[in-house]
Protein backbone atom coordinates (compact mmCIF):
# COMPACT_ATOMS: atom_id res chain seq x y z
CA MET A 1 -8.31 -17.14 10.72
CA GLU A 2 -5.92 -14.33 10.03
CA GLU A 3 -4.90 -12.31 6.93
CA THR A 4 -1.88 -10.12 6.18
CA ALA A 5 -2.74 -7.19 4.75
CA TYR A 6 0.59 -6.66 2.86
CA ALA A 7 2.59 -3.59 1.93
CA LYS A 8 1.80 -1.93 -1.53
CA LEU A 9 4.86 -0.03 -2.63
CA ASN A 10 4.82 1.90 -6.30
CA LEU A 11 8.25 0.58 -7.99
CA ALA A 12 7.52 3.45 -9.97
CA LEU A 13 4.79 6.09 -10.80
CA HIS A 14 4.04 8.06 -13.66
CA VAL A 15 1.26 10.74 -13.89
CA ARG A 16 0.13 10.98 -17.03
CA GLY A 17 -2.34 13.65 -16.83
CA ARG A 18 -5.17 15.36 -14.96
CA GLU A 19 -8.94 14.12 -16.18
CA ALA A 20 -12.18 16.09 -16.21
CA ASP A 21 -13.53 15.01 -13.52
CA GLY A 22 -10.28 15.83 -11.28
CA TYR A 23 -8.88 12.25 -11.21
CA HIS A 24 -5.37 11.65 -12.49
CA ARG A 25 -4.51 9.14 -15.34
CA ILE A 26 -1.27 7.15 -14.14
CA GLU A 27 0.77 4.55 -15.16
CA THR A 28 2.65 2.38 -12.02
CA LEU A 29 3.99 -0.36 -11.28
CA PHE A 30 2.91 -2.65 -7.86
CA GLY A 31 5.07 -4.36 -5.60
CA PHE A 32 4.48 -5.96 -2.34
CA ALA A 33 6.04 -6.32 0.80
CA GLU A 34 6.06 -10.03 2.69
CA ASP A 35 4.63 -7.93 5.58
CA GLY A 36 2.26 -5.54 6.80
CA ASP A 37 -0.57 -5.35 9.20
CA LEU A 38 -2.86 -8.42 10.56
CA LEU A 39 -6.24 -8.80 10.21
CA ARG A 40 -7.94 -11.27 12.17
CA ALA A 41 -11.91 -13.30 11.95
CA GLU A 42 -14.25 -15.45 14.19
CA PRO A 43 -17.28 -15.98 13.43
CA ALA A 44 -20.28 -13.92 14.69
CA ASP A 45 -23.89 -12.54 14.64
CA ALA A 46 -22.66 -9.22 13.44
CA LEU A 47 -20.15 -7.30 11.58
CA THR A 48 -17.43 -5.87 14.13
CA LEU A 49 -14.32 -4.32 14.16
CA GLU A 50 -11.58 -3.80 16.72
CA VAL A 51 -8.02 -2.12 15.85
CA GLU A 52 -4.96 -1.98 17.94
CA GLY A 53 -1.17 -2.25 17.52
CA PRO A 54 1.24 0.88 17.17
CA PHE A 55 -0.91 2.79 14.93
CA ALA A 56 -4.42 1.84 16.22
CA ALA A 57 -4.75 5.59 17.81
CA ASP A 58 -4.32 7.38 14.18
CA LEU A 59 -7.72 5.23 13.28
CA ALA A 60 -9.43 6.70 16.57
CA GLY A 61 -13.02 7.91 15.63
CA GLU A 62 -12.95 7.03 12.20
CA GLY A 63 -16.34 6.90 11.39
CA ASP A 64 -16.86 4.06 8.42
CA ASN A 65 -13.47 2.29 8.31
CA LEU A 66 -12.50 0.31 4.69
CA VAL A 67 -12.79 -2.35 6.56
CA LEU A 68 -15.81 -2.62 7.69
CA ARG A 69 -17.06 -0.96 4.24
CA ALA A 70 -15.37 -3.97 2.47
CA GLY A 71 -16.79 -6.74 4.47
CA ARG A 72 -20.32 -5.12 4.20
CA ALA A 73 -19.98 -5.10 0.15
CA LEU A 74 -18.51 -8.96 0.22
CA ALA A 75 -22.12 -10.17 1.81
CA ASP A 76 -23.93 -7.90 0.08
CA ARG A 77 -22.47 -9.16 -3.31
CA PHE A 78 -23.10 -13.13 -2.24
CA ALA A 79 -25.96 -12.38 0.25
CA VAL A 80 -24.27 -13.65 3.37
CA ARG A 81 -26.15 -13.55 6.55
CA ARG A 82 -23.56 -13.85 8.95
CA GLY A 83 -21.23 -11.88 10.58
CA ALA A 84 -17.29 -11.67 11.64
CA ALA A 85 -15.43 -10.24 14.71
CA LEU A 86 -12.78 -8.85 13.21
CA THR A 87 -9.57 -7.48 14.77
CA LEU A 88 -7.13 -5.11 13.10
CA VAL A 89 -3.56 -5.35 14.44
CA LYS A 90 -2.60 -1.62 12.90
CA ILE A 91 0.98 -1.74 12.18
CA LEU A 92 1.76 0.17 9.08
CA PRO A 93 1.68 3.97 9.46
CA VAL A 94 -1.48 5.70 8.33
CA ALA A 95 -1.65 7.93 5.62
CA SER A 96 1.91 6.90 4.27
CA GLY A 97 1.69 5.61 0.58
CA ILE A 98 2.09 1.89 1.39
CA GLY A 99 -1.56 1.12 0.86
CA GLY A 100 -2.62 1.40 4.51
CA GLY A 101 -6.91 1.22 4.26
CA SER A 102 -6.60 -0.10 0.47
CA ALA A 103 -4.35 -3.28 1.86
CA ASP A 104 -6.74 -3.89 4.93
CA ALA A 105 -9.81 -3.65 2.94
CA ALA A 106 -8.53 -6.20 0.25
CA ALA A 107 -7.16 -8.26 3.30
CA ALA A 108 -10.60 -8.28 4.37
CA LEU A 109 -12.14 -9.64 0.83
CA ARG A 110 -9.64 -12.15 1.10
CA LEU A 111 -10.24 -13.46 5.04
CA LEU A 112 -13.83 -13.10 4.97
CA ASP A 113 -14.52 -15.38 1.67
CA ARG A 114 -12.73 -18.05 3.43
CA LEU A 115 -14.33 -17.51 6.15
CA TRP A 116 -17.78 -17.59 5.07
CA GLY A 117 -17.21 -20.22 2.77
CA ILE A 118 -17.90 -18.22 -0.25
CA GLY A 119 -14.83 -19.26 -2.82
CA ALA A 120 -15.44 -16.17 -4.74
CA PRO A 121 -13.28 -16.63 -7.94
CA GLU A 122 -10.62 -14.37 -8.05
CA ALA A 123 -12.57 -12.30 -11.14
CA GLU A 124 -15.48 -11.77 -8.97
CA LEU A 125 -13.58 -10.40 -5.64
CA LEU A 126 -11.97 -7.76 -8.08
CA ARG A 127 -15.19 -6.73 -9.04
CA VAL A 128 -16.09 -6.13 -5.25
CA ALA A 129 -12.66 -4.50 -4.65
CA ALA A 130 -13.06 -1.97 -7.48
CA THR A 131 -15.98 -0.73 -5.63
CA LEU A 132 -14.09 0.26 -2.82
CA GLY A 133 -10.69 2.54 -3.98
CA ALA A 134 -8.45 2.69 -7.22
CA ASP A 135 -5.83 0.70 -5.22
CA VAL A 136 -7.62 -2.10 -3.50
CA PRO A 137 -7.96 -4.59 -6.92
CA ALA A 138 -3.41 -3.86 -6.82
CA CYS A 139 -4.30 -4.84 -2.72
CA LEU A 140 -6.38 -8.09 -3.49
CA LEU A 141 -3.90 -9.78 -5.61
CA SER A 142 -0.55 -8.27 -3.56
CA ARG A 143 1.59 -9.56 -6.18
CA THR A 144 3.40 -7.36 -8.91
CA VAL A 145 0.83 -6.01 -11.52
CA ARG A 146 0.87 -2.96 -13.66
CA GLY A 147 -2.01 -0.72 -13.27
CA GLU A 148 -3.10 2.06 -15.39
CA GLY A 149 -6.09 4.44 -15.62
CA ARG A 150 -6.31 5.50 -11.84
CA GLY A 151 -4.24 2.26 -10.78
CA ASP A 152 -7.09 0.12 -11.16
CA ARG A 153 -6.93 -1.20 -14.45
CA LEU A 154 -4.48 -3.92 -14.08
CA SER A 155 -2.51 -6.53 -16.06
CA GLU A 156 0.42 -9.00 -15.17
CA ALA A 157 3.80 -7.66 -14.68
CA GLU A 158 7.13 -10.06 -14.64
CA VAL A 159 9.89 -8.26 -12.95
CA PRO A 160 13.00 -11.12 -12.36
CA GLY A 161 14.40 -11.49 -9.68
CA LEU A 162 12.50 -9.12 -7.63
CA ALA A 163 10.51 -11.38 -5.34
CA GLY A 164 12.29 -12.55 -2.38
CA THR A 165 14.78 -9.31 -2.86
CA PRO A 166 15.70 -7.51 0.21
CA LEU A 167 13.48 -4.37 0.94
CA LEU A 168 13.86 -1.61 4.07
CA LEU A 169 10.78 0.52 4.21
CA VAL A 170 11.19 4.24 5.93
CA ASN A 171 8.75 6.89 7.31
CA PRO A 172 9.83 9.77 8.86
CA ARG A 173 6.30 9.34 11.08
CA VAL A 174 4.42 12.31 8.62
CA ALA A 175 1.34 11.97 7.13
CA VAL A 176 0.80 13.18 3.94
CA SER A 177 -2.43 13.82 2.17
CA THR A 178 -3.12 12.62 -1.40
CA ALA A 179 -5.37 14.75 -2.70
CA GLU A 180 -3.20 17.57 -0.99
CA VAL A 181 -0.02 16.04 -3.33
CA PHE A 182 -2.10 15.60 -6.49
CA ARG A 183 -3.01 19.03 -6.46
CA ARG A 184 0.42 20.06 -6.45
CA TRP A 185 1.28 17.57 -9.50
CA ARG A 186 3.47 19.49 -11.84
CA GLY A 187 0.26 19.23 -14.74
CA SER A 188 2.71 17.93 -17.35
CA ASP A 189 3.27 14.41 -18.67
CA GLY A 190 6.79 13.36 -18.25
CA GLY A 191 6.42 9.86 -20.05
CA ALA A 192 5.92 6.20 -20.26
CA LEU A 193 6.72 4.43 -17.42
CA PRO A 194 9.69 1.99 -19.19
CA ALA A 195 9.79 -1.34 -19.29
CA ASP A 196 12.33 -1.65 -16.62
CA TRP A 197 10.73 0.29 -13.70
CA GLN A 198 14.45 1.32 -12.31
CA GLU A 199 14.81 3.71 -15.07
CA GLY A 200 11.39 4.93 -14.12
CA ARG A 201 10.77 7.64 -11.09
CA ASN A 202 7.70 8.68 -9.21
CA ASP A 203 6.29 12.10 -10.24
CA LEU A 204 4.91 12.43 -6.91
CA GLU A 205 7.97 12.61 -4.85
CA ALA A 206 8.20 16.71 -6.15
CA PRO A 207 4.99 17.74 -4.49
CA ALA A 208 5.04 15.80 -1.68
CA VAL A 209 8.59 17.11 -0.50
CA THR A 210 6.89 20.44 -0.89
CA LEU A 211 4.45 19.04 2.15
CA ALA A 212 7.19 16.63 3.64
CA PRO A 213 10.35 17.86 3.15
CA GLN A 214 11.82 15.17 5.70
CA ILE A 215 11.03 13.19 2.57
CA GLU A 216 14.52 13.76 0.89
CA GLU A 217 16.37 13.06 4.54
CA VAL A 218 14.37 9.84 4.50
CA LEU A 219 16.01 9.30 0.24
CA GLY A 220 19.19 10.87 1.46
CA ALA A 221 19.42 8.06 4.59
CA LEU A 222 18.48 5.19 2.55
CA CYS A 223 21.18 6.22 -0.31
CA GLY A 224 23.72 3.15 0.53
CA GLY A 225 20.68 0.30 -0.81
CA ARG A 226 20.66 -0.64 -4.75
CA ILE A 227 17.90 1.94 -5.85
CA ALA A 228 15.74 3.92 -3.05
CA ARG A 229 12.73 5.82 -3.71
CA MET A 230 9.34 7.47 -2.44
CA SER A 231 6.15 5.01 -2.40
CA GLY A 232 2.92 6.30 -3.49
CA SER A 233 2.35 9.96 -2.30
CA GLY A 234 4.56 9.31 0.43
CA ALA A 235 5.92 10.03 2.91
CA THR A 236 7.30 6.44 3.29
CA CYS A 237 10.46 5.55 1.12
CA PHE A 238 11.82 2.28 0.44
CA ALA A 239 15.32 0.68 -0.48
CA LEU A 240 16.16 -2.71 -2.29
CA TYR A 241 19.41 -4.50 -1.00
CA ASP A 242 21.47 -6.80 -2.54
CA SER A 243 21.94 -8.46 0.99
CA PHE A 244 19.85 -9.23 4.04
CA GLU A 245 23.23 -8.42 5.74
CA GLY A 246 23.66 -5.22 3.96
CA ARG A 247 19.42 -4.18 4.81
CA SER A 248 19.94 -4.68 8.08
CA ALA A 249 23.13 -2.34 8.83
CA ALA A 250 21.13 0.12 6.92
CA ALA A 251 18.37 -0.24 9.11
CA ARG A 252 20.20 -0.10 12.48
CA ALA A 253 22.27 2.49 10.84
CA ILE A 254 18.87 4.51 10.35
CA ALA A 255 17.73 3.82 13.76
CA ALA A 256 20.25 5.04 15.66
CA ALA A 257 20.70 8.49 13.79
CA HIS A 258 16.55 8.90 13.68
CA PRO A 259 14.95 7.12 16.54
CA ASP A 260 11.63 8.44 15.90
CA TRP A 261 11.16 7.19 11.85
CA TRP A 262 9.45 3.96 11.60
CA LEU A 263 11.00 1.33 9.91
CA LEU A 264 10.38 -2.24 8.61
CA GLU A 265 12.58 -4.80 7.39
CA SER A 266 11.05 -6.77 4.85
CA ARG A 267 11.44 -8.87 1.33
CA PHE A 268 9.36 -8.73 -1.29
CA ARG A 269 6.77 -11.06 -1.94
């Protein structure tokens, strides 16, 4: 069995305040690409994980991968005594603002729910996902939803015309620390997320640029798209296009000018 860990995109992300415990209160609209990391599973006595793919080396030496934590949490919740041999094909860059480990953990929950024959309701899987990280519940759903609080209070969102829209993701191959980006947030509330996400913004873009100035260069390279924006805490940026031809032409031009950058041509789910 296999499952895609769909790349997460923050179509807009407004930081509304910093809580007493140090966490930030946000409003965001999550969207998801059709592509991402790939997770495979086979029946086994124990729960194990192998990582391969272009970004596997970036996870080398990681003591407790979130995929394994997700598997153990699901097994504990439903008293599963079987294991699984998991293989994660790491296609998305690490620490890049597009879900990464959260999407992988969410894919593990969906995949192992099927492999182990649990058949858990979505609400039950969401409870497990919530114990693994703020973005994991949204990544579990992998559909367009609005997130509030830490991003884990979810509500359904309708964005007409978004599904199937050509999409280009670009990362300058610079890892950005989410914690450090939030620490550099300006500290003032710039206002609520508007009904039309295109009129919104990403409040983490400015502090992320102070850590990775290449983000501004990426956004400039994506200026031919309908809208270009940074996702999450960066450094991945994305642009929407009116046609697949326009998206592919932009990807070719960017790849020629910046052969060291990572690109992914996709479309919205």
